[in-house]
Amino acid sequence: MVLLDSRRFWISLGFQSQEVGWDKTMVSPGWLENFLVKKGYKVIKWDVLPKEKHRKAPDAPGVYALYWGSTLQYIGKATSLYSRLDAHVGEISFGSFAWFKMPADQVAAAEAELIHEYDPPWNQNYPTHPDDYDNID
């Protein structure tokens, strides 16, 4: 059900295929999930929702991605996806988001790998290599 609903949502935003030659930030949440799984991370559950439904995110650790239209803008991590996305609603402007519930011990490395791979514009001032995250509080 999540995959079908997510696919309809992203098609409605203009996504067709990753193979069209778009830049790295034109990546759907399904591609992010596939990337995480291929890298060996355990994605327990994931979903993509419009900004107005941010309170449906779980109170669990994970990684999230913020989108403006169909463009990936930011990737972040949270000990509580619910609380972090709720805070983002008042802080910054975004249209939709995807969340990926994961084991707490994998969250920091998964976030770093996603930032390194997709280089979202709002993450430009952050370390972009997974090893750089060892020294961040």
C-alpha atoms as a PDB file:
ATOM      1  CA  MET A   1       0.000   0.000   0.000  1.00  0.00           C
ATOM      2  CA  VAL A   2       2.762   2.467   0.868  1.00  0.00           C
ATOM      3  CA  LEU A   3       4.572   1.796  -2.403  1.00  0.00           C
ATOM      4  CA  LEU A   4       1.434   2.256  -4.521  1.00  0.00           C
ATOM      5  CA  ASP A   5       0.383   5.450  -2.717  1.00  0.00           C
ATOM      6  CA  SER A   6       3.940   6.790  -2.872  1.00  0.00           C
ATOM      7  CA  ARG A   7       4.190   6.044  -6.578  1.00  0.00           C
ATOM      8  CA  ARG A   8       0.944   7.903  -7.315  1.00  0.00           C
ATOM      9  CA  PHE A   9       2.096  10.828  -5.186  1.00  0.00           C
ATOM     10  CA  TRP A  10       5.429  11.157  -6.994  1.00  0.00           C
ATOM     11  CA  ILE A  11       3.897  10.726 -10.431  1.00  0.00           C
ATOM     12  CA  SER A  12       1.516  13.579  -9.543  1.00  0.00           C
ATOM     13  CA  LEU A  13       4.590  15.756  -8.804  1.00  0.00           C
ATOM     14  CA  GLY A  14       6.100  14.983 -12.190  1.00  0.00           C
ATOM     15  CA  PHE A  15       8.383  12.026 -11.477  1.00  0.00           C
ATOM     16  CA  GLN A  16       8.601   9.494 -14.265  1.00  0.00           C
ATOM     17  CA  SER A  17      11.910   7.703 -14.140  1.00  0.00           C
ATOM     18  CA  GLN A  18      15.345   8.102 -12.587  1.00  0.00           C
ATOM     19  CA  GLU A  19      16.833   7.301 -16.010  1.00  0.00           C
ATOM     20  CA  VAL A  20      15.691  10.530 -17.684  1.00  0.00           C
ATOM     21  CA  GLY A  21      18.984  12.248 -16.852  1.00  0.00           C
ATOM     22  CA  TRP A  22      17.839  14.610 -14.102  1.00  0.00           C
ATOM     23  CA  ASP A  23      20.268  15.849 -11.500  1.00  0.00           C
ATOM     24  CA  LYS A  24      20.847  13.909  -8.288  1.00  0.00           C
ATOM     25  CA  THR A  25      18.252  15.857  -6.309  1.00  0.00           C
ATOM     26  CA  MET A  26      15.436  14.650  -8.574  1.00  0.00           C
ATOM     27  CA  VAL A  27      15.244  11.363  -6.704  1.00  0.00           C
ATOM     28  CA  SER A  28      12.064   9.815  -5.350  1.00  0.00           C
ATOM     29  CA  PRO A  29      11.782   8.331  -1.851  1.00  0.00           C
ATOM     30  CA  GLY A  30      11.613   4.862  -3.388  1.00  0.00           C
ATOM     31  CA  TRP A  31      15.077   5.394  -4.842  1.00  0.00           C
ATOM     32  CA  LEU A  32      16.340   6.558  -1.439  1.00  0.00           C
ATOM     33  CA  GLU A  33      14.914   3.432   0.198  1.00  0.00           C
ATOM     34  CA  ASN A  34      16.511   1.200  -2.461  1.00  0.00           C
ATOM     35  CA  PHE A  35      19.852   2.951  -1.945  1.00  0.00           C
ATOM     36  CA  LEU A  36      19.713   2.360   1.832  1.00  0.00           C
ATOM     37  CA  VAL A  37      18.813  -1.319   1.455  1.00  0.00           C
ATOM     38  CA  LYS A  38      21.558  -1.894  -1.133  1.00  0.00           C
ATOM     39  CA  LYS A  39      24.060  -0.325   1.283  1.00  0.00           C
ATOM     40  CA  GLY A  40      22.995  -2.837   3.954  1.00  0.00           C
ATOM     41  CA  TYR A  41      20.793  -0.632   6.162  1.00  0.00           C
ATOM     42  CA  LYS A  42      17.651  -2.035   7.692  1.00  0.00           C
ATOM     43  CA  VAL A  43      14.654   0.090   6.705  1.00  0.00           C
ATOM     44  CA  ILE A  44      11.879  -1.082   9.026  1.00  0.00           C
ATOM     45  CA  LYS A  45       9.174   1.059   7.452  1.00  0.00           C
ATOM     46  CA  TRP A  46       8.935   4.146   5.254  1.00  0.00           C
ATOM     47  CA  ASP A  47       6.370   6.498   3.808  1.00  0.00           C
ATOM     48  CA  VAL A  48       6.064   9.733   1.887  1.00  0.00           C
ATOM     49  CA  LEU A  49       3.530  12.386   2.812  1.00  0.00           C
ATOM     50  CA  PRO A  50       2.644  15.991   2.073  1.00  0.00           C
ATOM     51  CA  LYS A  51       3.782  18.535   4.666  1.00  0.00           C
ATOM     52  CA  GLU A  52       0.291  18.818   6.187  1.00  0.00           C
ATOM     53  CA  LYS A  53       0.440  15.163   7.305  1.00  0.00           C
ATOM     54  CA  HIS A  54       3.711  15.516   9.252  1.00  0.00           C
ATOM     55  CA  ARG A  55       2.055  14.264  12.455  1.00  0.00           C
ATOM     56  CA  LYS A  56       1.728  10.795  10.903  1.00  0.00           C
ATOM     57  CA  ALA A  57       5.469  10.219  11.196  1.00  0.00           C
ATOM     58  CA  PRO A  58       6.418   7.671  13.880  1.00  0.00           C
ATOM     59  CA  ASP A  59       7.931   8.546  17.252  1.00  0.00           C
ATOM     60  CA  ALA A  60      10.980   6.445  16.380  1.00  0.00           C
ATOM     61  CA  PRO A  61      14.555   6.968  15.136  1.00  0.00           C
ATOM     62  CA  GLY A  62      15.217   7.334  11.449  1.00  0.00           C
ATOM     63  CA  VAL A  63      16.249   9.393   8.475  1.00  0.00           C
ATOM     64  CA  TYR A  64      14.027  11.849   6.633  1.00  0.00           C
ATOM     65  CA  ALA A  65      14.119  13.768   3.366  1.00  0.00           C
ATOM     66  CA  LEU A  66      12.453  17.112   2.680  1.00  0.00           C
ATOM     67  CA  TYR A  67      11.238  17.968  -0.804  1.00  0.00           C
ATOM     68  CA  TRP A  68      10.172  21.122  -2.573  1.00  0.00           C
ATOM     69  CA  GLY A  69       8.047  19.956  -5.474  1.00  0.00           C
ATOM     70  CA  SER A  70       9.841  16.917  -6.805  1.00  0.00           C
ATOM     71  CA  THR A  71      13.318  18.114  -5.808  1.00  0.00           C
ATOM     72  CA  LEU A  72      15.153  16.719  -2.804  1.00  0.00           C
ATOM     73  CA  GLN A  73      16.186  19.670  -0.634  1.00  0.00           C
ATOM     74  CA  TYR A  74      17.433  18.239   2.662  1.00  0.00           C
ATOM     75  CA  ILE A  75      18.277  14.952   4.370  1.00  0.00           C
ATOM     76  CA  GLY A  76      18.306  14.718   8.144  1.00  0.00           C
ATOM     77  CA  LYS A  77      18.309  12.265  11.023  1.00  0.00           C
ATOM     78  CA  ALA A  78      16.209  12.145  14.167  1.00  0.00           C
ATOM     79  CA  THR A  79      15.815  10.173  17.367  1.00  0.00           C
ATOM     80  CA  SER A  80      12.083  10.904  16.976  1.00  0.00           C
ATOM     81  CA  LEU A  81      10.903  11.435  13.405  1.00  0.00           C
ATOM     82  CA  TYR A  82       7.595  12.770  14.736  1.00  0.00           C
ATOM     83  CA  SER A  83       9.209  15.497  16.864  1.00  0.00           C
ATOM     84  CA  ARG A  84      11.825  16.514  14.318  1.00  0.00           C
ATOM     85  CA  LEU A  85       9.400  16.820  11.404  1.00  0.00           C
ATOM     86  CA  ASP A  86       6.950  18.687  13.637  1.00  0.00           C
ATOM     87  CA  ALA A  87       9.736  21.177  14.416  1.00  0.00           C
ATOM     88  CA  HIS A  88      10.630  21.572  10.726  1.00  0.00           C
ATOM     89  CA  VAL A  89       7.061  22.561   9.834  1.00  0.00           C
ATOM     90  CA  GLY A  90       7.449  25.887  11.630  1.00  0.00           C
ATOM     91  CA  GLU A  91      11.115  26.433  10.714  1.00  0.00           C
ATOM     92  CA  ILE A  92      11.468  26.006   6.972  1.00  0.00           C
ATOM     93  CA  SER A  93       9.442  25.839   3.806  1.00  0.00           C
ATOM     94  CA  PHE A  94       9.022  22.454   2.158  1.00  0.00           C
ATOM     95  CA  GLY A  95       6.197  20.739   0.315  1.00  0.00           C
ATOM     96  CA  SER A  96       6.505  17.086   1.254  1.00  0.00           C
ATOM     97  CA  PHE A  97       8.735  14.660   3.092  1.00  0.00           C
ATOM     98  CA  ALA A  98       9.724  11.023   3.268  1.00  0.00           C
ATOM     99  CA  TRP A  99      10.661   9.211   6.460  1.00  0.00           C
ATOM    100  CA  PHE A 100      12.579   5.973   6.935  1.00  0.00           C
ATOM    101  CA  LYS A 101      12.230   4.242  10.307  1.00  0.00           C
ATOM    102  CA  MET A 102      15.521   2.502  11.123  1.00  0.00           C
ATOM    103  CA  PRO A 103      17.454   1.001  14.036  1.00  0.00           C
ATOM    104  CA  ALA A 104      18.992   3.819  16.104  1.00  0.00           C
ATOM    105  CA  ASP A 105      22.542   2.535  15.633  1.00  0.00           C
ATOM    106  CA  GLN A 106      22.285   2.889  11.824  1.00  0.00           C
ATOM    107  CA  VAL A 107      20.715   6.349  11.565  1.00  0.00           C
ATOM    108  CA  ALA A 108      23.830   8.587  11.582  1.00  0.00           C
ATOM    109  CA  ALA A 109      25.694   6.508   9.016  1.00  0.00           C
ATOM    110  CA  ALA A 110      22.628   6.220   6.766  1.00  0.00           C
ATOM    111  CA  GLU A 111      22.115   9.991   6.824  1.00  0.00           C
ATOM    112  CA  ALA A 112      25.765  10.576   5.947  1.00  0.00           C
ATOM    113  CA  GLU A 113      25.651   8.096   3.044  1.00  0.00           C
ATOM    114  CA  LEU A 114      22.503   9.705   1.621  1.00  0.00           C
ATOM    115  CA  ILE A 115      23.984  13.209   1.866  1.00  0.00           C
ATOM    116  CA  HIS A 116      27.221  12.012   0.283  1.00  0.00           C
ATOM    117  CA  GLU A 117      25.358  10.320  -2.596  1.00  0.00           C
ATOM    118  CA  TYR A 118      22.648  12.898  -3.366  1.00  0.00           C
ATOM    119  CA  ASP A 119      24.189  16.202  -2.131  1.00  0.00           C
ATOM    120  CA  PRO A 120      20.937  18.063  -1.327  1.00  0.00           C
ATOM    121  CA  PRO A 121      21.274  21.872  -1.500  1.00  0.00           C
ATOM    122  CA  TRP A 122      20.236  22.521   2.124  1.00  0.00           C
ATOM    123  CA  ASN A 123      22.948  20.107   3.316  1.00  0.00           C
ATOM    124  CA  GLN A 124      25.745  22.010   1.547  1.00  0.00           C
ATOM    125  CA  ASN A 125      27.361  23.258   4.790  1.00  0.00           C
ATOM    126  CA  TYR A 126      27.480  19.820   6.413  1.00  0.00           C
ATOM    127  CA  PRO A 127      30.125  17.097   6.145  1.00  0.00           C
ATOM    128  CA  THR A 128      29.406  14.980   3.094  1.00  0.00           C
ATOM    129  CA  HIS A 129      31.474  11.898   3.854  1.00  0.00           C
ATOM    130  CA  PRO A 130      30.263   9.268   6.361  1.00  0.00           C
ATOM    131  CA  ASP A 131      33.596   9.269   8.236  1.00  0.00           C
ATOM    132  CA  ASP A 132      33.239  13.009   8.967  1.00  0.00           C
ATOM    133  CA  TYR A 133      30.203  12.364  11.146  1.00  0.00           C
ATOM    134  CA  ASP A 134      32.190  10.641  13.894  1.00  0.00           C
ATOM    135  CA  ASN A 135      33.243  14.004  15.327  1.00  0.00           C
ATOM    136  CA  ILE A 136      29.846  15.750  15.321  1.00  0.00           C
ATOM    137  CA  ASP A 137      27.752  16.052  18.482  1.00  0.00           C
END
